[in-house]
Amino acid sequence: MARKSRRTAARYSEISKERKKKQRGRAPLLEDTASEPITVAVPEQAQTRYAPYRTAPAARSDTKEAAAEYSHVKEDLRVVGIISGAMLTLLIVLSFVLG
């Protein structure tokens, strides 16, 4: 287990070093020395164009199969809720009785 963690840490270290090397090669950002704002001319066509509207895809049979496969989860959650409610009620009652 420790070897795997070391390999992962080494990999992230190499990625970080590569990013730093790439950033060194870039030109530094200009400081805000201009007294007047910079304006950019944008064509009118580019200003009015919007991305096409997409609808959500229809439910596939995979999701229906997954819903049928995990139908027991709802029952399990109900049982967990009942047990946790009973334990909370027991703790409240015990705090009044013993406290």
C-alpha atoms as a PDB file:
ATOM      1  CA  MET A   1       0.000   0.000   0.000  1.00  0.00           C
ATOM      2  CA  ALA A   2       2.829   2.405   0.803  1.00  0.00           C
ATOM      3  CA  ARG A   3       4.492   1.853  -2.572  1.00  0.00           C
ATOM      4  CA  LYS A   4       1.342   2.809  -4.385  1.00  0.00           C
ATOM      5  CA  SER A   5       1.064   6.031  -2.398  1.00  0.00           C
ATOM      6  CA  ARG A   6       4.691   6.875  -3.138  1.00  0.00           C
ATOM      7  CA  ARG A   7       4.190   6.262  -6.835  1.00  0.00           C
ATOM      8  CA  THR A   8       1.130   8.484  -6.854  1.00  0.00           C
ATOM      9  CA  ALA A   9       2.960  11.223  -4.958  1.00  0.00           C
ATOM     10  CA  ALA A  10       5.892  10.987  -7.365  1.00  0.00           C
ATOM     11  CA  ARG A  11       3.565  11.228 -10.351  1.00  0.00           C
ATOM     12  CA  TYR A  12       1.856  14.332  -8.951  1.00  0.00           C
ATOM     13  CA  SER A  13       5.259  15.835  -8.198  1.00  0.00           C
ATOM     14  CA  GLU A  14       6.371  15.328 -11.810  1.00  0.00           C
ATOM     15  CA  ILE A  15       3.145  16.879 -13.108  1.00  0.00           C
ATOM     16  CA  SER A  16       3.651  19.872 -10.836  1.00  0.00           C
ATOM     17  CA  LYS A  17       7.240  20.317 -12.022  1.00  0.00           C
ATOM     18  CA  GLU A  18       6.137  20.168 -15.664  1.00  0.00           C
ATOM     19  CA  ARG A  19       3.491  22.838 -15.042  1.00  0.00           C
ATOM     20  CA  LYS A  20       6.037  25.104 -13.376  1.00  0.00           C
ATOM     21  CA  LYS A  21       8.419  24.659 -16.338  1.00  0.00           C
ATOM     22  CA  LYS A  22       5.643  25.606 -18.768  1.00  0.00           C
ATOM     23  CA  GLN A  23       4.762  28.699 -16.730  1.00  0.00           C
ATOM     24  CA  ARG A  24       8.403  29.881 -16.728  1.00  0.00           C
ATOM     25  CA  GLY A  25       8.372  29.971 -20.513  1.00  0.00           C
ATOM     26  CA  ARG A  26       5.295  32.214 -20.696  1.00  0.00           C
ATOM     27  CA  ALA A  27       5.493  35.972 -20.942  1.00  0.00           C
ATOM     28  CA  PRO A  28       4.666  37.730 -17.672  1.00  0.00           C
ATOM     29  CA  LEU A  29       1.306  39.430 -17.376  1.00  0.00           C
ATOM     30  CA  LEU A  30       1.294  43.142 -18.023  1.00  0.00           C
ATOM     31  CA  GLU A  31       0.709  45.407 -15.086  1.00  0.00           C
ATOM     32  CA  ASP A  32      -2.231  47.785 -15.117  1.00  0.00           C
ATOM     33  CA  THR A  33      -0.344  50.889 -16.270  1.00  0.00           C
ATOM     34  CA  ALA A  34      -2.852  52.097 -18.853  1.00  0.00           C
ATOM     35  CA  SER A  35      -4.958  55.036 -17.742  1.00  0.00           C
ATOM     36  CA  GLU A  36      -7.743  54.433 -20.262  1.00  0.00           C
ATOM     37  CA  PRO A  37      -9.723  51.205 -20.693  1.00  0.00           C
ATOM     38  CA  ILE A  38      -9.013  48.935 -23.626  1.00  0.00           C
ATOM     39  CA  THR A  39     -11.893  48.459 -26.045  1.00  0.00           C
ATOM     40  CA  VAL A  40     -12.238  45.535 -28.413  1.00  0.00           C
ATOM     41  CA  ALA A  41     -14.378  45.605 -31.537  1.00  0.00           C
ATOM     42  CA  VAL A  42     -16.680  42.589 -31.698  1.00  0.00           C
ATOM     43  CA  PRO A  43     -18.695  41.890 -34.846  1.00  0.00           C
ATOM     44  CA  GLU A  44     -22.435  42.261 -34.384  1.00  0.00           C
ATOM     45  CA  GLN A  45     -23.034  38.735 -35.638  1.00  0.00           C
ATOM     46  CA  ALA A  46     -20.887  37.302 -32.846  1.00  0.00           C
ATOM     47  CA  GLN A  47     -22.789  39.329 -30.254  1.00  0.00           C
ATOM     48  CA  THR A  48     -26.227  37.989 -31.167  1.00  0.00           C
ATOM     49  CA  ARG A  49     -25.426  34.323 -31.777  1.00  0.00           C
ATOM     50  CA  TYR A  50     -26.430  31.863 -29.050  1.00  0.00           C
ATOM     51  CA  ALA A  51     -25.683  28.200 -28.557  1.00  0.00           C
ATOM     52  CA  PRO A  52     -28.453  25.906 -29.811  1.00  0.00           C
ATOM     53  CA  TYR A  53     -30.919  24.693 -27.201  1.00  0.00           C
ATOM     54  CA  ARG A  54     -30.561  21.027 -26.360  1.00  0.00           C
ATOM     55  CA  THR A  55     -33.120  18.855 -24.670  1.00  0.00           C
ATOM     56  CA  ALA A  56     -32.276  16.163 -22.164  1.00  0.00           C
ATOM     57  CA  PRO A  57     -31.818  12.712 -23.706  1.00  0.00           C
ATOM     58  CA  ALA A  58     -34.593  10.203 -23.207  1.00  0.00           C
ATOM     59  CA  ALA A  59     -34.176   7.601 -20.473  1.00  0.00           C
ATOM     60  CA  ARG A  60     -32.312   4.599 -21.774  1.00  0.00           C
ATOM     61  CA  SER A  61     -32.976   0.996 -20.908  1.00  0.00           C
ATOM     62  CA  ASP A  62     -29.701   0.991 -18.901  1.00  0.00           C
ATOM     63  CA  THR A  63     -31.175   3.363 -16.335  1.00  0.00           C
ATOM     64  CA  LYS A  64     -34.327   1.281 -16.100  1.00  0.00           C
ATOM     65  CA  GLU A  65     -32.246  -1.840 -15.489  1.00  0.00           C
ATOM     66  CA  ALA A  66     -30.196  -0.038 -12.841  1.00  0.00           C
ATOM     67  CA  ALA A  67     -33.368   1.158 -11.111  1.00  0.00           C
ATOM     68  CA  ALA A  68     -34.667  -2.404 -11.005  1.00  0.00           C
ATOM     69  CA  GLU A  69     -31.311  -3.686  -9.778  1.00  0.00           C
ATOM     70  CA  TYR A  70     -31.150  -1.218  -6.860  1.00  0.00           C
ATOM     71  CA  SER A  71     -34.802  -1.355  -5.833  1.00  0.00           C
ATOM     72  CA  HIS A  72     -33.809  -2.897  -2.475  1.00  0.00           C
ATOM     73  CA  VAL A  73     -32.000   0.320  -1.494  1.00  0.00           C
ATOM     74  CA  LYS A  74     -35.271   2.115  -0.744  1.00  0.00           C
ATOM     75  CA  GLU A  75     -36.279  -0.615   1.706  1.00  0.00           C
ATOM     76  CA  ASP A  76     -32.835  -0.579   3.319  1.00  0.00           C
ATOM     77  CA  LEU A  77     -32.989   3.190   3.790  1.00  0.00           C
ATOM     78  CA  ARG A  78     -36.390   2.860   5.436  1.00  0.00           C
ATOM     79  CA  VAL A  79     -35.036   0.269   7.889  1.00  0.00           C
ATOM     80  CA  VAL A  80     -31.983   2.430   8.668  1.00  0.00           C
ATOM     81  CA  GLY A  81     -34.272   5.417   9.287  1.00  0.00           C
ATOM     82  CA  ILE A  82     -36.468   3.436  11.671  1.00  0.00           C
ATOM     83  CA  ILE A  83     -33.476   2.106  13.609  1.00  0.00           C
ATOM     84  CA  SER A  84     -31.810   5.531  13.871  1.00  0.00           C
ATOM     85  CA  GLY A  85     -35.099   7.107  14.982  1.00  0.00           C
ATOM     86  CA  ALA A  86     -35.535   4.457  17.654  1.00  0.00           C
ATOM     87  CA  MET A  87     -31.967   4.966  18.906  1.00  0.00           C
ATOM     88  CA  LEU A  88     -32.437   8.742  19.031  1.00  0.00           C
ATOM     89  CA  THR A  89     -35.689   8.338  20.963  1.00  0.00           C
ATOM     90  CA  LEU A  90     -33.975   5.934  23.377  1.00  0.00           C
ATOM     91  CA  LEU A  91     -31.155   8.441  23.968  1.00  0.00           C
ATOM     92  CA  ILE A  92     -33.629  11.238  24.682  1.00  0.00           C
ATOM     93  CA  VAL A  93     -35.600   9.063  27.116  1.00  0.00           C
ATOM     94  CA  LEU A  94     -32.407   7.932  28.859  1.00  0.00           C
ATOM     95  CA  SER A  95     -31.216  11.525  29.222  1.00  0.00           C
ATOM     96  CA  PHE A  96     -34.408  12.408  31.106  1.00  0.00           C
ATOM     97  CA  VAL A  97     -34.390   9.245  33.211  1.00  0.00           C
ATOM     98  CA  LEU A  98     -30.704   9.272  34.159  1.00  0.00           C
ATOM     99  CA  GLY A  99     -30.117  13.042  34.004  1.00  0.00           C
END
